[in-house]
Amino acid sequence: MRDFRVRTAQTVKAHETGRFCDDEECKGELFDSIINFGENLPQDELEQGFTNGESADLCVVMGTSC
């Protein structure tokens, strides 16, 4: 169990978590990695997915949008 809220954004398309990196040299703001309905996948990840899918012998698909 987490001892913190994963997401504190007030709007659907906001990705701020309200948390910061633990690395003392960074301390950058952390964002979630969720792709909400109406948002596009990042182009690099989308292209890599197509490339991997074309070379796969088997694709197992899970999720509510199947």
PDB file of N, CA and C in Angstrom:
ATOM      1  N   MET A   1       0.835  -1.176   0.000  1.00  0.00           N
ATOM      2  CA  MET A   1       0.000   0.000   0.000  1.00  0.00           C
ATOM      3  C   MET A   1       0.885   1.247   0.000  1.00  0.00           C
ATOM      4  N   ARG A   2       0.467   2.233  -0.782  1.00  0.00           N
ATOM      5  CA  ARG A   2       1.195   3.501  -0.799  1.00  0.00           C
ATOM      6  C   ARG A   2       0.764   4.351   0.396  1.00  0.00           C
ATOM      7  N   ASP A   3       1.703   5.122   0.914  1.00  0.00           N
ATOM      8  CA  ASP A   3       1.373   6.025   2.008  1.00  0.00           C
ATOM      9  C   ASP A   3       1.172   7.453   1.497  1.00  0.00           C
ATOM     10  N   PHE A   4       0.839   7.562   0.197  1.00  0.00           N
ATOM     11  CA  PHE A   4       0.613   8.862  -0.406  1.00  0.00           C
ATOM     12  C   PHE A   4      -0.395   8.706  -1.528  1.00  0.00           C
ATOM     13  N   ARG A   5      -1.018   9.810  -1.923  1.00  0.00           N
ATOM     14  CA  ARG A   5      -1.925   9.800  -3.071  1.00  0.00           C
ATOM     15  C   ARG A   5      -1.089   9.745  -4.333  1.00  0.00           C
ATOM     16  N   VAL A   6      -1.487   8.925  -5.272  1.00  0.00           N
ATOM     17  CA  VAL A   6      -0.744   8.791  -6.519  1.00  0.00           C
ATOM     18  C   VAL A   6      -0.942  10.027  -7.387  1.00  0.00           C
ATOM     19  N   ARG A   7      -2.105  10.604  -7.341  1.00  0.00           N
ATOM     20  CA  ARG A   7      -2.437  11.705  -8.231  1.00  0.00           C
ATOM     21  C   ARG A   7      -3.190  12.768  -7.455  1.00  0.00           C
ATOM     22  N   THR A   8      -2.746  14.023  -7.586  1.00  0.00           N
ATOM     23  CA  THR A   8      -3.410  15.109  -6.879  1.00  0.00           C
ATOM     24  C   THR A   8      -3.966  16.156  -7.838  1.00  0.00           C
ATOM     25  N   ALA A   9      -3.825  15.948  -9.158  1.00  0.00           N
ATOM     26  CA  ALA A   9      -4.297  16.916 -10.145  1.00  0.00           C
ATOM     27  C   ALA A   9      -5.803  17.115  -9.993  1.00  0.00           C
ATOM     28  N   GLN A  10      -6.244  18.320 -10.257  1.00  0.00           N
ATOM     29  CA  GLN A  10      -7.650  18.654 -10.100  1.00  0.00           C
ATOM     30  C   GLN A  10      -8.459  18.503 -11.386  1.00  0.00           C
ATOM     31  N   THR A  11      -7.789  18.372 -12.520  1.00  0.00           N
ATOM     32  CA  THR A  11      -8.488  18.211 -13.792  1.00  0.00           C
ATOM     33  C   THR A  11      -8.063  16.903 -14.446  1.00  0.00           C
ATOM     34  N   VAL A  12      -8.886  16.406 -15.360  1.00  0.00           N
ATOM     35  CA  VAL A  12      -8.647  15.099 -15.984  1.00  0.00           C
ATOM     36  C   VAL A  12      -7.332  15.054 -16.748  1.00  0.00           C
ATOM     37  N   LYS A  13      -7.016  16.096 -17.490  1.00  0.00           N
ATOM     38  CA  LYS A  13      -5.840  16.046 -18.360  1.00  0.00           C
ATOM     39  C   LYS A  13      -4.575  16.592 -17.707  1.00  0.00           C
ATOM     40  N   ALA A  14      -4.637  16.957 -16.445  1.00  0.00           N
ATOM     41  CA  ALA A  14      -3.443  17.397 -15.722  1.00  0.00           C
ATOM     42  C   ALA A  14      -2.714  16.159 -15.201  1.00  0.00           C
ATOM     43  N   HIS A  15      -1.411  16.125 -15.326  1.00  0.00           N
ATOM     44  CA  HIS A  15      -0.659  14.927 -14.962  1.00  0.00           C
ATOM     45  C   HIS A  15       0.279  15.126 -13.773  1.00  0.00           C
ATOM     46  N   GLU A  16       0.166  16.249 -13.072  1.00  0.00           N
ATOM     47  CA  GLU A  16       0.998  16.471 -11.905  1.00  0.00           C
ATOM     48  C   GLU A  16       0.585  15.510 -10.785  1.00  0.00           C
ATOM     49  N   THR A  17       1.569  15.000 -10.060  1.00  0.00           N
ATOM     50  CA  THR A  17       1.262  14.099  -8.945  1.00  0.00           C
ATOM     51  C   THR A  17       1.329  14.818  -7.604  1.00  0.00           C
ATOM     52  N   GLY A  18       1.925  16.006  -7.582  1.00  0.00           N
ATOM     53  CA  GLY A  18       2.114  16.697  -6.322  1.00  0.00           C
ATOM     54  C   GLY A  18       3.343  16.213  -5.573  1.00  0.00           C
ATOM     55  N   ARG A  19       4.109  15.308  -6.174  1.00  0.00           N
ATOM     56  CA  ARG A  19       5.312  14.753  -5.546  1.00  0.00           C
ATOM     57  C   ARG A  19       6.540  15.205  -6.320  1.00  0.00           C
ATOM     58  N   PHE A  20       7.707  15.051  -5.686  1.00  0.00           N
ATOM     59  CA  PHE A  20       8.958  15.453  -6.300  1.00  0.00           C
ATOM     60  C   PHE A  20       9.976  14.322  -6.194  1.00  0.00           C
ATOM     61  N   CYS A  21      10.940  14.326  -7.099  1.00  0.00           N
ATOM     62  CA  CYS A  21      11.985  13.307  -7.151  1.00  0.00           C
ATOM     63  C   CYS A  21      12.741  13.263  -5.827  1.00  0.00           C
ATOM     64  N   ASP A  22      13.075  12.064  -5.361  1.00  0.00           N
ATOM     65  CA  ASP A  22      13.808  11.888  -4.107  1.00  0.00           C
ATOM     66  C   ASP A  22      15.300  12.198  -4.239  1.00  0.00           C
ATOM     67  N   ASP A  23      15.805  12.227  -5.464  1.00  0.00           N
ATOM     68  CA  ASP A  23      17.225  12.491  -5.701  1.00  0.00           C
ATOM     69  C   ASP A  23      17.539  13.935  -5.305  1.00  0.00           C
ATOM     70  N   GLU A  24      18.475  14.115  -4.401  1.00  0.00           N
ATOM     71  CA  GLU A  24      18.830  15.449  -3.897  1.00  0.00           C
ATOM     72  C   GLU A  24      19.291  16.386  -5.004  1.00  0.00           C
ATOM     73  N   GLU A  25      19.892  15.848  -6.066  1.00  0.00           N
ATOM     74  CA  GLU A  25      20.383  16.684  -7.165  1.00  0.00           C
ATOM     75  C   GLU A  25      19.283  17.023  -8.167  1.00  0.00           C
ATOM     76  N   CYS A  26      18.161  16.355  -8.082  1.00  0.00           N
ATOM     77  CA  CYS A  26      17.086  16.562  -9.050  1.00  0.00           C
ATOM     78  C   CYS A  26      15.942  17.374  -8.444  1.00  0.00           C
ATOM     79  N   LYS A  27      15.215  16.746  -7.531  1.00  0.00           N
ATOM     80  CA  LYS A  27      14.041  17.338  -6.892  1.00  0.00           C
ATOM     81  C   LYS A  27      12.995  17.832  -7.895  1.00  0.00           C
ATOM     82  N   GLY A  28      13.000  17.241  -9.110  1.00  0.00           N
ATOM     83  CA  GLY A  28      12.048  17.629 -10.141  1.00  0.00           C
ATOM     84  C   GLY A  28      10.640  17.149  -9.830  1.00  0.00           C
ATOM     85  N   GLU A  29       9.652  17.828 -10.402  1.00  0.00           N
ATOM     86  CA  GLU A  29       8.254  17.460 -10.214  1.00  0.00           C
ATOM     87  C   GLU A  29       7.966  16.143 -10.924  1.00  0.00           C
ATOM     88  N   LEU A  30       7.198  15.257 -10.284  1.00  0.00           N
ATOM     89  CA  LEU A  30       6.841  13.970 -10.873  1.00  0.00           C
ATOM     90  C   LEU A  30       5.450  14.044 -11.495  1.00  0.00           C
ATOM     91  N   PHE A  31       5.298  13.377 -12.630  1.00  0.00           N
ATOM     92  CA  PHE A  31       4.042  13.349 -13.361  1.00  0.00           C
ATOM     93  C   PHE A  31       3.609  11.902 -13.538  1.00  0.00           C
ATOM     94  N   ASP A  32       2.288  11.664 -13.644  1.00  0.00           N
ATOM     95  CA  ASP A  32       1.810  10.307 -13.893  1.00  0.00           C
ATOM     96  C   ASP A  32       2.061   9.939 -15.355  1.00  0.00           C
ATOM     97  N   SER A  33       1.906   8.682 -15.664  1.00  0.00           N
ATOM     98  CA  SER A  33       2.147   8.201 -17.021  1.00  0.00           C
ATOM     99  C   SER A  33       0.864   7.698 -17.677  1.00  0.00           C
ATOM    100  N   ILE A  34      -0.273   8.127 -17.180  1.00  0.00           N
ATOM    101  CA  ILE A  34      -1.570   7.706 -17.687  1.00  0.00           C
ATOM    102  C   ILE A  34      -1.887   8.435 -18.983  1.00  0.00           C
ATOM    103  N   ILE A  35      -2.431   7.707 -19.953  1.00  0.00           N
ATOM    104  CA  ILE A  35      -2.936   8.324 -21.175  1.00  0.00           C
ATOM    105  C   ILE A  35      -4.459   8.354 -21.029  1.00  0.00           C
ATOM    106  N   ASN A  36      -5.013   9.532 -20.886  1.00  0.00           N
ATOM    107  CA  ASN A  36      -6.458   9.683 -20.715  1.00  0.00           C
ATOM    108  C   ASN A  36      -7.166   9.647 -22.062  1.00  0.00           C
ATOM    109  N   PHE A  37      -8.459   9.355 -22.053  1.00  0.00           N
ATOM    110  CA  PHE A  37      -9.251   9.400 -23.275  1.00  0.00           C
ATOM    111  C   PHE A  37      -9.126  10.785 -23.890  1.00  0.00           C
ATOM    112  N   GLY A  38      -8.929  10.832 -25.188  1.00  0.00           N
ATOM    113  CA  GLY A  38      -8.792  12.102 -25.891  1.00  0.00           C
ATOM    114  C   GLY A  38      -7.365  12.585 -25.998  1.00  0.00           C
ATOM    115  N   GLU A  39      -6.423  11.896 -25.344  1.00  0.00           N
ATOM    116  CA  GLU A  39      -5.011  12.258 -25.444  1.00  0.00           C
ATOM    117  C   GLU A  39      -4.316  11.295 -26.398  1.00  0.00           C
ATOM    118  N   ASN A  40      -3.341  11.790 -27.114  1.00  0.00           N
ATOM    119  CA  ASN A  40      -2.577  10.953 -28.026  1.00  0.00           C
ATOM    120  C   ASN A  40      -1.428  10.274 -27.291  1.00  0.00           C
ATOM    121  N   LEU A  41      -1.072   9.080 -27.764  1.00  0.00           N
ATOM    122  CA  LEU A  41       0.122   8.418 -27.252  1.00  0.00           C
ATOM    123  C   LEU A  41       1.346   9.194 -27.709  1.00  0.00           C
ATOM    124  N   PRO A  42       2.430   9.189 -26.916  1.00  0.00           N
ATOM    125  CA  PRO A  42       3.665   9.817 -27.379  1.00  0.00           C
ATOM    126  C   PRO A  42       4.140   9.130 -28.665  1.00  0.00           C
ATOM    127  N   GLN A  43       4.566   9.899 -29.653  1.00  0.00           N
ATOM    128  CA  GLN A  43       4.898   9.379 -30.981  1.00  0.00           C
ATOM    129  C   GLN A  43       5.958   8.278 -30.938  1.00  0.00           C
ATOM    130  N   ASP A  44       7.034   8.461 -30.159  1.00  0.00           N
ATOM    131  CA  ASP A  44       8.096   7.449 -30.103  1.00  0.00           C
ATOM    132  C   ASP A  44       7.577   6.119 -29.585  1.00  0.00           C
ATOM    133  N   GLU A  45       6.792   6.156 -28.515  1.00  0.00           N
ATOM    134  CA  GLU A  45       6.254   4.924 -27.945  1.00  0.00           C
ATOM    135  C   GLU A  45       5.273   4.258 -28.896  1.00  0.00           C
ATOM    136  N   LEU A  46       4.474   5.056 -29.606  1.00  0.00           N
ATOM    137  CA  LEU A  46       3.527   4.507 -30.567  1.00  0.00           C
ATOM    138  C   LEU A  46       4.263   3.777 -31.695  1.00  0.00           C
ATOM    139  N   GLU A  47       5.285   4.406 -32.245  1.00  0.00           N
ATOM    140  CA  GLU A  47       6.058   3.784 -33.325  1.00  0.00           C
ATOM    141  C   GLU A  47       6.770   2.523 -32.847  1.00  0.00           C
ATOM    142  N   GLN A  48       7.321   2.563 -31.623  1.00  0.00           N
ATOM    143  CA  GLN A  48       7.986   1.380 -31.076  1.00  0.00           C
ATOM    144  C   GLN A  48       6.981   0.249 -30.867  1.00  0.00           C
ATOM    145  N   GLY A  49       5.777   0.579 -30.456  1.00  0.00           N
ATOM    146  CA  GLY A  49       4.739  -0.434 -30.292  1.00  0.00           C
ATOM    147  C   GLY A  49       4.382  -1.119 -31.595  1.00  0.00           C
ATOM    148  N   PHE A  50       4.236  -0.339 -32.671  1.00  0.00           N
ATOM    149  CA  PHE A  50       3.958  -0.933 -33.979  1.00  0.00           C
ATOM    150  C   PHE A  50       5.105  -1.819 -34.438  1.00  0.00           C
ATOM    151  N   THR A  51       6.331  -1.356 -34.241  1.00  0.00           N
ATOM    152  CA  THR A  51       7.509  -2.144 -34.633  1.00  0.00           C
ATOM    153  C   THR A  51       7.557  -3.461 -33.866  1.00  0.00           C
ATOM    154  N   ASN A  52       7.362  -3.401 -32.559  1.00  0.00           N
ATOM    155  CA  ASN A  52       7.383  -4.624 -31.747  1.00  0.00           C
ATOM    156  C   ASN A  52       6.224  -5.547 -32.105  1.00  0.00           C
ATOM    157  N   GLY A  53       5.049  -4.987 -32.365  1.00  0.00           N
ATOM    158  CA  GLY A  53       3.886  -5.796 -32.728  1.00  0.00           C
ATOM    159  C   GLY A  53       4.084  -6.543 -34.031  1.00  0.00           C
ATOM    160  N   GLU A  54       4.732  -5.895 -34.993  1.00  0.00           N
ATOM    161  CA  GLU A  54       4.971  -6.540 -36.291  1.00  0.00           C
ATOM    162  C   GLU A  54       5.934  -7.717 -36.179  1.00  0.00           C
ATOM    163  N   SER A  55       6.850  -7.672 -35.211  1.00  0.00           N
ATOM    164  CA  SER A  55       7.835  -8.748 -35.083  1.00  0.00           C
ATOM    165  C   SER A  55       7.427  -9.807 -34.059  1.00  0.00           C
ATOM    166  N   ALA A  56       6.318  -9.607 -33.363  1.00  0.00           N
ATOM    167  CA  ALA A  56       5.894 -10.539 -32.312  1.00  0.00           C
ATOM    168  C   ALA A  56       5.219 -11.770 -32.896  1.00  0.00           C
ATOM    169  N   ASP A  57       5.416 -12.898 -32.236  1.00  0.00           N
ATOM    170  CA  ASP A  57       4.718 -14.132 -32.596  1.00  0.00           C
ATOM    171  C   ASP A  57       3.344 -14.196 -31.935  1.00  0.00           C
ATOM    172  N   LEU A  58       3.182 -13.503 -30.835  1.00  0.00           N
ATOM    173  CA  LEU A  58       1.938 -13.531 -30.077  1.00  0.00           C
ATOM    174  C   LEU A  58       1.751 -12.178 -29.394  1.00  0.00           C
ATOM    175  N   CYS A  59       0.530 -11.641 -29.452  1.00  0.00           N
ATOM    176  CA  CYS A  59       0.197 -10.412 -28.751  1.00  0.00           C
ATOM    177  C   CYS A  59      -0.926 -10.718 -27.768  1.00  0.00           C
ATOM    178  N   VAL A  60      -0.716 -10.435 -26.497  1.00  0.00           N
ATOM    179  CA  VAL A  60      -1.731 -10.606 -25.472  1.00  0.00           C
ATOM    180  C   VAL A  60      -2.260  -9.202 -25.160  1.00  0.00           C
ATOM    181  N   VAL A  61      -3.556  -8.997 -25.354  1.00  0.00           N
ATOM    182  CA  VAL A  61      -4.157  -7.681 -25.171  1.00  0.00           C
ATOM    183  C   VAL A  61      -5.029  -7.706 -23.922  1.00  0.00           C
ATOM    184  N   MET A  62      -4.816  -6.735 -23.033  1.00  0.00           N
ATOM    185  CA  MET A  62      -5.603  -6.647 -21.808  1.00  0.00           C
ATOM    186  C   MET A  62      -6.052  -5.204 -21.620  1.00  0.00           C
ATOM    187  N   GLY A  63      -7.205  -5.021 -21.079  1.00  0.00           N
ATOM    188  CA  GLY A  63      -7.672  -3.678 -20.784  1.00  0.00           C
ATOM    189  C   GLY A  63      -9.141  -3.524 -21.096  1.00  0.00           C
ATOM    190  N   THR A  64      -9.686  -2.386 -20.736  1.00  0.00           N
ATOM    191  CA  THR A  64     -11.105  -2.165 -20.890  1.00  0.00           C
ATOM    192  C   THR A  64     -11.473  -1.663 -22.270  1.00  0.00           C
ATOM    193  N   SER A  65     -10.504  -1.238 -23.068  1.00  0.00           N
ATOM    194  CA  SER A  65     -10.785  -0.679 -24.389  1.00  0.00           C
ATOM    195  C   SER A  65     -10.624  -1.707 -25.504  1.00  0.00           C
ATOM    196  N   CYS A  66     -10.494  -2.968 -25.162  1.00  0.00           N
ATOM    197  CA  CYS A  66     -10.304  -4.002 -26.182  1.00  0.00           C
ATOM    198  C   CYS A  66     -11.538  -4.132 -27.024  1.00  0.00           C
TER     199      CYS A  66
END
